[in-house]
Amino acid sequence: MIENQKIRPAQVIGPLGEPLTLDTLPPPNTTRWVVRRKAEVVAAVNGGLLTVDEACERYGLTIEEFASWQRSIDRSGMPGLRVTRIQHYRDLYERQQRF
């Protein structure tokens, strides 16, 4: 009997248009999270290469932290992931929601 297996893609398209595979994702011991690396992990999850739980376990993230990356990309694209600009993009988003 065939068990219910999840079919995963071998690669997905990354945030800069490049192909991403499990081998090209940031290494599991990453401690310096630049915008590109965060966006690659979000793209991998969105494309089905990893599940949210797998990404959080692999990179030592909380669900809330990963969800904040996803929200930032949805709202402001890759620039929204910049730690130095979080407040700017949060204010911009809140102003847009009022109108």
PDB file of N, CA and C in Angstrom:
ATOM      1  N   MET A   1       0.834  -1.177   0.000  1.00  0.00           N
ATOM      2  CA  MET A   1       0.000   0.000   0.000  1.00  0.00           C
ATOM      3  C   MET A   1       0.886   1.249   0.000  1.00  0.00           C
ATOM      4  N   ILE A   2       0.553   2.209  -0.805  1.00  0.00           N
ATOM      5  CA  ILE A   2       1.334   3.437  -0.917  1.00  0.00           C
ATOM      6  C   ILE A   2       0.888   4.407   0.161  1.00  0.00           C
ATOM      7  N   GLU A   3       1.845   4.865   0.935  1.00  0.00           N
ATOM      8  CA  GLU A   3       1.522   5.839   1.968  1.00  0.00           C
ATOM      9  C   GLU A   3       1.418   7.222   1.354  1.00  0.00           C
ATOM     10  N   ASN A   4       0.757   8.090   2.058  1.00  0.00           N
ATOM     11  CA  ASN A   4       0.601   9.469   1.607  1.00  0.00           C
ATOM     12  C   ASN A   4       1.956  10.166   1.703  1.00  0.00           C
ATOM     13  N   GLN A   5       2.596  10.371   0.572  1.00  0.00           N
ATOM     14  CA  GLN A   5       3.913  10.992   0.546  1.00  0.00           C
ATOM     15  C   GLN A   5       3.801  12.421   0.038  1.00  0.00           C
ATOM     16  N   LYS A   6       4.571  13.277   0.651  1.00  0.00           N
ATOM     17  CA  LYS A   6       4.605  14.666   0.202  1.00  0.00           C
ATOM     18  C   LYS A   6       5.639  14.779  -0.909  1.00  0.00           C
ATOM     19  N   ILE A   7       5.232  15.325  -2.007  1.00  0.00           N
ATOM     20  CA  ILE A   7       6.148  15.530  -3.122  1.00  0.00           C
ATOM     21  C   ILE A   7       6.727  16.930  -2.991  1.00  0.00           C
ATOM     22  N   ARG A   8       8.036  16.982  -2.942  1.00  0.00           N
ATOM     23  CA  ARG A   8       8.716  18.266  -2.814  1.00  0.00           C
ATOM     24  C   ARG A   8       9.482  18.569  -4.084  1.00  0.00           C
ATOM     25  N   PRO A   9       9.537  19.833  -4.430  1.00  0.00           N
ATOM     26  CA  PRO A   9      10.342  20.193  -5.596  1.00  0.00           C
ATOM     27  C   PRO A   9      11.825  20.033  -5.281  1.00  0.00           C
ATOM     28  N   ALA A  10      12.607  19.762  -6.301  1.00  0.00           N
ATOM     29  CA  ALA A  10      14.055  19.665  -6.125  1.00  0.00           C
ATOM     30  C   ALA A  10      14.667  21.050  -5.949  1.00  0.00           C
ATOM     31  N   GLN A  11      14.001  22.047  -6.531  1.00  0.00           N
ATOM     32  CA  GLN A  11      14.482  23.424  -6.409  1.00  0.00           C
ATOM     33  C   GLN A  11      13.318  24.380  -6.527  1.00  0.00           C
ATOM     34  N   VAL A  12      13.503  25.569  -6.000  1.00  0.00           N
ATOM     35  CA  VAL A  12      12.524  26.648  -6.112  1.00  0.00           C
ATOM     36  C   VAL A  12      13.263  27.894  -6.578  1.00  0.00           C
ATOM     37  N   ILE A  13      12.517  28.866  -6.993  1.00  0.00           N
ATOM     38  CA  ILE A  13      13.126  30.129  -7.428  1.00  0.00           C
ATOM     39  C   ILE A  13      13.321  31.021  -6.204  1.00  0.00           C
ATOM     40  N   GLY A  14      14.541  31.497  -6.040  1.00  0.00           N
ATOM     41  CA  GLY A  14      14.887  32.336  -4.902  1.00  0.00           C
ATOM     42  C   GLY A  14      14.439  33.770  -5.084  1.00  0.00           C
ATOM     43  N   PRO A  15      14.662  34.597  -4.099  1.00  0.00           N
ATOM     44  CA  PRO A  15      14.205  35.988  -4.140  1.00  0.00           C
ATOM     45  C   PRO A  15      14.882  36.828  -5.218  1.00  0.00           C
ATOM     46  N   LEU A  16      16.049  36.406  -5.659  1.00  0.00           N
ATOM     47  CA  LEU A  16      16.754  37.150  -6.705  1.00  0.00           C
ATOM     48  C   LEU A  16      16.651  36.454  -8.065  1.00  0.00           C
ATOM     49  N   GLY A  17      15.761  35.455  -8.160  1.00  0.00           N
ATOM     50  CA  GLY A  17      15.546  34.764  -9.425  1.00  0.00           C
ATOM     51  C   GLY A  17      16.447  33.563  -9.643  1.00  0.00           C
ATOM     52  N   GLU A  18      17.300  33.254  -8.691  1.00  0.00           N
ATOM     53  CA  GLU A  18      18.220  32.129  -8.824  1.00  0.00           C
ATOM     54  C   GLU A  18      17.557  30.859  -8.290  1.00  0.00           C
ATOM     55  N   PRO A  19      17.958  29.686  -8.802  1.00  0.00           N
ATOM     56  CA  PRO A  19      17.388  28.442  -8.268  1.00  0.00           C
ATOM     57  C   PRO A  19      17.947  28.148  -6.869  1.00  0.00           C
ATOM     58  N   LEU A  20      17.072  27.740  -5.975  1.00  0.00           N
ATOM     59  CA  LEU A  20      17.468  27.366  -4.621  1.00  0.00           C
ATOM     60  C   LEU A  20      17.221  25.877  -4.422  1.00  0.00           C
ATOM     61  N   THR A  21      18.192  25.186  -3.871  1.00  0.00           N
ATOM     62  CA  THR A  21      18.039  23.790  -3.477  1.00  0.00           C
ATOM     63  C   THR A  21      18.382  23.694  -1.996  1.00  0.00           C
ATOM     64  N   LEU A  22      18.180  22.523  -1.415  1.00  0.00           N
ATOM     65  CA  LEU A  22      18.550  22.349  -0.007  1.00  0.00           C
ATOM     66  C   LEU A  22      20.032  22.614   0.204  1.00  0.00           C
ATOM     67  N   ASP A  23      20.848  22.284  -0.812  1.00  0.00           N
ATOM     68  CA  ASP A  23      22.293  22.493  -0.704  1.00  0.00           C
ATOM     69  C   ASP A  23      22.705  23.960  -0.805  1.00  0.00           C
ATOM     70  N   THR A  24      21.902  24.768  -1.500  1.00  0.00           N
ATOM     71  CA  THR A  24      22.277  26.176  -1.685  1.00  0.00           C
ATOM     72  C   THR A  24      21.635  27.109  -0.666  1.00  0.00           C
ATOM     73  N   LEU A  25      20.777  26.566   0.198  1.00  0.00           N
ATOM     74  CA  LEU A  25      20.205  27.390   1.267  1.00  0.00           C
ATOM     75  C   LEU A  25      21.305  27.770   2.249  1.00  0.00           C
ATOM     76  N   PRO A  26      21.075  28.801   3.045  1.00  0.00           N
ATOM     77  CA  PRO A  26      22.080  29.155   4.055  1.00  0.00           C
ATOM     78  C   PRO A  26      22.379  27.949   4.947  1.00  0.00           C
ATOM     79  N   PRO A  27      23.616  27.815   5.420  1.00  0.00           N
ATOM     80  CA  PRO A  27      23.952  26.676   6.279  1.00  0.00           C
ATOM     81  C   PRO A  27      23.170  26.720   7.593  1.00  0.00           C
ATOM     82  N   PRO A  28      22.906  25.552   8.169  1.00  0.00           N
ATOM     83  CA  PRO A  28      22.127  25.500   9.415  1.00  0.00           C
ATOM     84  C   PRO A  28      22.751  26.269  10.583  1.00  0.00           C
ATOM     85  N   ASN A  29      24.058  26.462  10.568  1.00  0.00           N
ATOM     86  CA  ASN A  29      24.710  27.176  11.678  1.00  0.00           C
ATOM     87  C   ASN A  29      24.797  28.682  11.442  1.00  0.00           C
ATOM     88  N   THR A  30      23.999  29.217  10.540  1.00  0.00           N
ATOM     89  CA  THR A  30      24.015  30.652  10.236  1.00  0.00           C
ATOM     90  C   THR A  30      23.631  31.455  11.473  1.00  0.00           C
ATOM     91  N   THR A  31      24.436  32.456  11.770  1.00  0.00           N
ATOM     92  CA  THR A  31      24.132  33.342  12.894  1.00  0.00           C
ATOM     93  C   THR A  31      23.942  34.786  12.433  1.00  0.00           C
ATOM     94  N   ARG A  32      24.489  35.126  11.298  1.00  0.00           N
ATOM     95  CA  ARG A  32      24.362  36.487  10.771  1.00  0.00           C
ATOM     96  C   ARG A  32      23.304  36.474   9.670  1.00  0.00           C
ATOM     97  N   TRP A  33      22.137  37.001   9.996  1.00  0.00           N
ATOM     98  CA  TRP A  33      21.009  36.939   9.072  1.00  0.00           C
ATOM     99  C   TRP A  33      20.883  38.228   8.264  1.00  0.00           C
ATOM    100  N   VAL A  34      21.469  38.234   7.090  1.00  0.00           N
ATOM    101  CA  VAL A  34      21.320  39.368   6.184  1.00  0.00           C
ATOM    102  C   VAL A  34      20.011  39.202   5.423  1.00  0.00           C
ATOM    103  N   VAL A  35      19.577  40.253   4.777  1.00  0.00           N
ATOM    104  CA  VAL A  35      18.297  40.263   4.070  1.00  0.00           C
ATOM    105  C   VAL A  35      18.194  39.104   3.074  1.00  0.00           C
ATOM    106  N   ARG A  36      19.216  38.886   2.287  1.00  0.00           N
ATOM    107  CA  ARG A  36      19.167  37.842   1.261  1.00  0.00           C
ATOM    108  C   ARG A  36      18.936  36.466   1.866  1.00  0.00           C
ATOM    109  N   ARG A  37      19.629  36.161   2.959  1.00  0.00           N
ATOM    110  CA  ARG A  37      19.487  34.843   3.592  1.00  0.00           C
ATOM    111  C   ARG A  37      18.083  34.646   4.151  1.00  0.00           C
ATOM    112  N   LYS A  38      17.543  35.675   4.798  1.00  0.00           N
ATOM    113  CA  LYS A  38      16.180  35.582   5.317  1.00  0.00           C
ATOM    114  C   LYS A  38      15.200  35.337   4.169  1.00  0.00           C
ATOM    115  N   ALA A  39      15.371  36.089   3.084  1.00  0.00           N
ATOM    116  CA  ALA A  39      14.481  35.962   1.935  1.00  0.00           C
ATOM    117  C   ALA A  39      14.598  34.581   1.294  1.00  0.00           C
ATOM    118  N   GLU A  40      15.786  34.003   1.282  1.00  0.00           N
ATOM    119  CA  GLU A  40      15.963  32.666   0.718  1.00  0.00           C
ATOM    120  C   GLU A  40      15.217  31.620   1.540  1.00  0.00           C
ATOM    121  N   VAL A  41      15.280  31.736   2.853  1.00  0.00           N
ATOM    122  CA  VAL A  41      14.570  30.776   3.707  1.00  0.00           C
ATOM    123  C   VAL A  41      13.060  30.920   3.510  1.00  0.00           C
ATOM    124  N   VAL A  42      12.563  32.138   3.446  1.00  0.00           N
ATOM    125  CA  VAL A  42      11.133  32.361   3.226  1.00  0.00           C
ATOM    126  C   VAL A  42      10.726  31.812   1.861  1.00  0.00           C
ATOM    127  N   ALA A  43      11.539  32.035   0.831  1.00  0.00           N
ATOM    128  CA  ALA A  43      11.228  31.520  -0.507  1.00  0.00           C
ATOM    129  C   ALA A  43      11.215  29.990  -0.513  1.00  0.00           C
ATOM    130  N   ALA A  44      12.129  29.378   0.230  1.00  0.00           N
ATOM    131  CA  ALA A  44      12.179  27.913   0.303  1.00  0.00           C
ATOM    132  C   ALA A  44      10.911  27.360   0.937  1.00  0.00           C
ATOM    133  N   VAL A  45      10.435  28.012   1.979  1.00  0.00           N
ATOM    134  CA  VAL A  45       9.203  27.559   2.632  1.00  0.00           C
ATOM    135  C   VAL A  45       8.002  27.813   1.726  1.00  0.00           C
ATOM    136  N   ASN A  46       7.928  28.996   1.138  1.00  0.00           N
ATOM    137  CA  ASN A  46       6.805  29.314   0.256  1.00  0.00           C
ATOM    138  C   ASN A  46       6.751  28.403  -0.964  1.00  0.00           C
ATOM    139  N   GLY A  47       7.919  27.978  -1.446  1.00  0.00           N
ATOM    140  CA  GLY A  47       7.972  27.108  -2.613  1.00  0.00           C
ATOM    141  C   GLY A  47       7.826  25.633  -2.297  1.00  0.00           C
ATOM    142  N   GLY A  48       7.810  25.279  -1.010  1.00  0.00           N
ATOM    143  CA  GLY A  48       7.625  23.887  -0.632  1.00  0.00           C
ATOM    144  C   GLY A  48       8.901  23.093  -0.455  1.00  0.00           C
ATOM    145  N   LEU A  49      10.044  23.750  -0.536  1.00  0.00           N
ATOM    146  CA  LEU A  49      11.322  23.062  -0.359  1.00  0.00           C
ATOM    147  C   LEU A  49      11.499  22.629   1.101  1.00  0.00           C
ATOM    148  N   LEU A  50      11.020  23.456   2.020  1.00  0.00           N
ATOM    149  CA  LEU A  50      11.034  23.165   3.459  1.00  0.00           C
ATOM    150  C   LEU A  50       9.657  23.484   4.031  1.00  0.00           C
ATOM    151  N   THR A  51       9.317  22.837   5.125  1.00  0.00           N
ATOM    152  CA  THR A  51       8.123  23.248   5.860  1.00  0.00           C
ATOM    153  C   THR A  51       8.546  24.321   6.860  1.00  0.00           C
ATOM    154  N   VAL A  52       7.582  25.008   7.413  1.00  0.00           N
ATOM    155  CA  VAL A  52       7.893  26.024   8.423  1.00  0.00           C
ATOM    156  C   VAL A  52       8.603  25.373   9.600  1.00  0.00           C
ATOM    157  N   ASP A  53       8.106  24.227  10.033  1.00  0.00           N
ATOM    158  CA  ASP A  53       8.722  23.539  11.171  1.00  0.00           C
ATOM    159  C   ASP A  53      10.154  23.126  10.873  1.00  0.00           C
ATOM    160  N   GLU A  54      10.395  22.629   9.666  1.00  0.00           N
ATOM    161  CA  GLU A  54      11.754  22.235   9.276  1.00  0.00           C
ATOM    162  C   GLU A  54      12.688  23.435   9.245  1.00  0.00           C
ATOM    163  N   ALA A  55      12.207  24.551   8.707  1.00  0.00           N
ATOM    164  CA  ALA A  55      13.031  25.758   8.640  1.00  0.00           C
ATOM    165  C   ALA A  55      13.366  26.254  10.048  1.00  0.00           C
ATOM    166  N   CYS A  56      12.374  26.262  10.926  1.00  0.00           N
ATOM    167  CA  CYS A  56      12.609  26.737  12.291  1.00  0.00           C
ATOM    168  C   CYS A  56      13.583  25.819  13.027  1.00  0.00           C
ATOM    169  N   GLU A  57      13.431  24.530  12.837  1.00  0.00           N
ATOM    170  CA  GLU A  57      14.341  23.591  13.490  1.00  0.00           C
ATOM    171  C   GLU A  57      15.753  23.696  12.919  1.00  0.00           C
ATOM    172  N   ARG A  58      15.839  23.767  11.597  1.00  0.00           N
ATOM    173  CA  ARG A  58      17.151  23.820  10.927  1.00  0.00           C
ATOM    174  C   ARG A  58      17.940  25.061  11.328  1.00  0.00           C
ATOM    175  N   TYR A  59      17.240  26.199  11.459  1.00  0.00           N
ATOM    176  CA  TYR A  59      17.930  27.467  11.715  1.00  0.00           C
ATOM    177  C   TYR A  59      17.772  27.985  13.142  1.00  0.00           C
ATOM    178  N   GLY A  60      17.120  27.229  13.996  1.00  0.00           N
ATOM    179  CA  GLY A  60      16.960  27.662  15.383  1.00  0.00           C
ATOM    180  C   GLY A  60      16.096  28.894  15.521  1.00  0.00           C
ATOM    181  N   LEU A  61      15.048  28.983  14.709  1.00  0.00           N
ATOM    182  CA  LEU A  61      14.147  30.134  14.726  1.00  0.00           C
ATOM    183  C   LEU A  61      12.890  29.791  15.500  1.00  0.00           C
ATOM    184  N   THR A  62      12.218  30.805  15.995  1.00  0.00           N
ATOM    185  CA  THR A  62      10.887  30.594  16.552  1.00  0.00           C
ATOM    186  C   THR A  62       9.885  30.779  15.419  1.00  0.00           C
ATOM    187  N   ILE A  63       8.697  30.241  15.608  1.00  0.00           N
ATOM    188  CA  ILE A  63       7.639  30.418  14.615  1.00  0.00           C
ATOM    189  C   ILE A  63       7.352  31.910  14.435  1.00  0.00           C
ATOM    190  N   GLU A  64       7.358  32.647  15.532  1.00  0.00           N
ATOM    191  CA  GLU A  64       7.073  34.086  15.475  1.00  0.00           C
ATOM    192  C   GLU A  64       8.119  34.840  14.664  1.00  0.00           C
ATOM    193  N   GLU A  65       9.383  34.455  14.845  1.00  0.00           N
ATOM    194  CA  GLU A  65      10.455  35.122  14.096  1.00  0.00           C
ATOM    195  C   GLU A  65      10.310  34.856  12.601  1.00  0.00           C
ATOM    196  N   PHE A  66      10.066  33.591  12.244  1.00  0.00           N
ATOM    197  CA  PHE A  66       9.889  33.271  10.833  1.00  0.00           C
ATOM    198  C   PHE A  66       8.664  33.993  10.270  1.00  0.00           C
ATOM    199  N   ALA A  67       7.564  33.996  11.036  1.00  0.00           N
ATOM    200  CA  ALA A  67       6.342  34.668  10.578  1.00  0.00           C
ATOM    201  C   ALA A  67       6.584  36.162  10.365  1.00  0.00           C
ATOM    202  N   SER A  68       7.430  36.766  11.201  1.00  0.00           N
ATOM    203  CA  SER A  68       7.723  38.194  11.019  1.00  0.00           C
ATOM    204  C   SER A  68       8.488  38.420   9.717  1.00  0.00           C
ATOM    205  N   TRP A  69       9.379  37.482   9.356  1.00  0.00           N
ATOM    206  CA  TRP A  69      10.091  37.593   8.072  1.00  0.00           C
ATOM    207  C   TRP A  69       9.093  37.508   6.928  1.00  0.00           C
ATOM    208  N   GLN A  70       8.167  36.564   7.017  1.00  0.00           N
ATOM    209  CA  GLN A  70       7.174  36.410   5.951  1.00  0.00           C
ATOM    210  C   GLN A  70       6.311  37.660   5.826  1.00  0.00           C
ATOM    211  N   ARG A  71       5.848  38.181   6.949  1.00  0.00           N
ATOM    212  CA  ARG A  71       5.032  39.397   6.928  1.00  0.00           C
ATOM    213  C   ARG A  71       5.789  40.568   6.332  1.00  0.00           C
ATOM    214  N   SER A  72       7.053  40.701   6.697  1.00  0.00           N
ATOM    215  CA  SER A  72       7.869  41.809   6.185  1.00  0.00           C
ATOM    216  C   SER A  72       8.009  41.730   4.672  1.00  0.00           C
ATOM    217  N   ILE A  73       8.218  40.529   4.161  1.00  0.00           N
ATOM    218  CA  ILE A  73       8.343  40.368   2.707  1.00  0.00           C
ATOM    219  C   ILE A  73       7.011  40.650   2.029  1.00  0.00           C
ATOM    220  N   ASP A  74       5.915  40.158   2.606  1.00  0.00           N
ATOM    221  CA  ASP A  74       4.591  40.394   2.021  1.00  0.00           C
ATOM    222  C   ASP A  74       4.249  41.879   1.973  1.00  0.00           C
ATOM    223  N   ARG A  75       4.622  42.591   3.022  1.00  0.00           N
ATOM    224  CA  ARG A  75       4.271  44.010   3.118  1.00  0.00           C
ATOM    225  C   ARG A  75       5.197  44.916   2.318  1.00  0.00           C
ATOM    226  N   SER A  76       6.512  44.666   2.419  1.00  0.00           N
ATOM    227  CA  SER A  76       7.471  45.626   1.875  1.00  0.00           C
ATOM    228  C   SER A  76       8.528  45.010   0.974  1.00  0.00           C
ATOM    229  N   GLY A  77       8.426  43.727   0.673  1.00  0.00           N
ATOM    230  CA  GLY A  77       9.446  43.077  -0.142  1.00  0.00           C
ATOM    231  C   GLY A  77      10.725  42.887   0.660  1.00  0.00           C
ATOM    232  N   MET A  78      11.792  42.595  -0.035  1.00  0.00           N
ATOM    233  CA  MET A  78      13.069  42.350   0.642  1.00  0.00           C
ATOM    234  C   MET A  78      13.542  43.523   1.492  1.00  0.00           C
ATOM    235  N   PRO A  79      13.347  44.773   1.078  1.00  0.00           N
ATOM    236  CA  PRO A  79      13.799  45.879   1.941  1.00  0.00           C
ATOM    237  C   PRO A  79      13.148  45.863   3.318  1.00  0.00           C
ATOM    238  N   GLY A  80      11.960  45.280   3.434  1.00  0.00           N
ATOM    239  CA  GLY A  80      11.280  45.206   4.719  1.00  0.00           C
ATOM    240  C   GLY A  80      11.992  44.323   5.728  1.00  0.00           C
ATOM    241  N   LEU A  81      12.922  43.492   5.266  1.00  0.00           N
ATOM    242  CA  LEU A  81      13.674  42.606   6.154  1.00  0.00           C
ATOM    243  C   LEU A  81      14.864  43.298   6.804  1.00  0.00           C
ATOM    244  N   ARG A  82      15.182  44.490   6.367  1.00  0.00           N
ATOM    245  CA  ARG A  82      16.331  45.201   6.933  1.00  0.00           C
ATOM    246  C   ARG A  82      16.039  45.583   8.374  1.00  0.00           C
ATOM    247  N   VAL A  83      16.862  45.115   9.279  1.00  0.00           N
ATOM    248  CA  VAL A  83      16.660  45.372  10.697  1.00  0.00           C
ATOM    249  C   VAL A  83      16.704  46.861  10.997  1.00  0.00           C
ATOM    250  N   THR A  84      17.545  47.581  10.308  1.00  0.00           N
ATOM    251  CA  THR A  84      17.683  49.013  10.584  1.00  0.00           C
ATOM    252  C   THR A  84      16.491  49.818  10.092  1.00  0.00           C
ATOM    253  N   ARG A  85      15.624  49.234   9.294  1.00  0.00           N
ATOM    254  CA  ARG A  85      14.494  49.969   8.730  1.00  0.00           C
ATOM    255  C   ARG A  85      13.143  49.414   9.165  1.00  0.00           C
ATOM    256  N   ILE A  86      13.121  48.521  10.136  1.00  0.00           N
ATOM    257  CA  ILE A  86      11.870  47.886  10.551  1.00  0.00           C
ATOM    258  C   ILE A  86      10.821  48.920  10.941  1.00  0.00           C
ATOM    259  N   GLN A  87      11.203  49.879  11.774  1.00  0.00           N
ATOM    260  CA  GLN A  87      10.229  50.862  12.236  1.00  0.00           C
ATOM    261  C   GLN A  87       9.686  51.696  11.074  1.00  0.00           C
ATOM    262  N   HIS A  88      10.559  52.061  10.133  1.00  0.00           N
ATOM    263  CA  HIS A  88      10.113  52.835   8.976  1.00  0.00           C
ATOM    264  C   HIS A  88       9.044  52.077   8.192  1.00  0.00           C
ATOM    265  N   TYR A  89       9.299  50.816   7.886  1.00  0.00           N
ATOM    266  CA  TYR A  89       8.343  50.042   7.102  1.00  0.00           C
ATOM    267  C   TYR A  89       7.083  49.716   7.901  1.00  0.00           C
ATOM    268  N   ARG A  90       7.214  49.532   9.222  1.00  0.00           N
ATOM    269  CA  ARG A  90       6.037  49.295  10.058  1.00  0.00           C
ATOM    270  C   ARG A  90       5.137  50.523  10.044  1.00  0.00           C
ATOM    271  N   ASP A  91       5.724  51.711  10.194  1.00  0.00           N
ATOM    272  CA  ASP A  91       4.941  52.949  10.161  1.00  0.00           C
ATOM    273  C   ASP A  91       4.283  53.144   8.805  1.00  0.00           C
ATOM    274  N   LEU A  92       5.024  52.889   7.737  1.00  0.00           N
ATOM    275  CA  LEU A  92       4.493  53.035   6.390  1.00  0.00           C
ATOM    276  C   LEU A  92       3.299  52.107   6.184  1.00  0.00           C
ATOM    277  N   TYR A  93       3.429  50.865   6.612  1.00  0.00           N
ATOM    278  CA  TYR A  93       2.342  49.904   6.465  1.00  0.00           C
ATOM    279  C   TYR A  93       1.112  50.337   7.256  1.00  0.00           C
ATOM    280  N   GLU A  94       1.317  50.804   8.479  1.00  0.00           N
ATOM    281  CA  GLU A  94       0.194  51.230   9.306  1.00  0.00           C
ATOM    282  C   GLU A  94      -0.517  52.437   8.693  1.00  0.00           C
ATOM    283  N   ARG A  95       0.237  53.357   8.119  1.00  0.00           N
ATOM    284  CA  ARG A  95      -0.371  54.510   7.452  1.00  0.00           C
ATOM    285  C   ARG A  95      -1.193  54.061   6.238  1.00  0.00           C
ATOM    286  N   GLN A  96      -0.690  53.102   5.493  1.00  0.00           N
ATOM    287  CA  GLN A  96      -1.415  52.606   4.320  1.00  0.00           C
ATOM    288  C   GLN A  96      -2.707  51.915   4.722  1.00  0.00           C
ATOM    289  N   GLN A  97      -2.713  51.254   5.862  1.00  0.00           N
ATOM    290  CA  GLN A  97      -3.915  50.550   6.321  1.00  0.00           C
ATOM    291  C   GLN A  97      -5.033  51.507   6.746  1.00  0.00           C
ATOM    292  N   ARG A  98      -4.668  52.728   7.148  1.00  0.00           N
ATOM    293  CA  ARG A  98      -5.675  53.688   7.572  1.00  0.00           C
ATOM    294  C   ARG A  98      -6.491  54.234   6.411  1.00  0.00           C
ATOM    295  N   PHE A  99      -5.917  54.241   5.218  1.00  0.00           N
ATOM    296  CA  PHE A  99      -6.600  54.869   4.082  1.00  0.00           C
ATOM    297  C   PHE A  99      -7.137  53.876   3.113  1.00  0.00           C
TER     298      PHE A  99
END
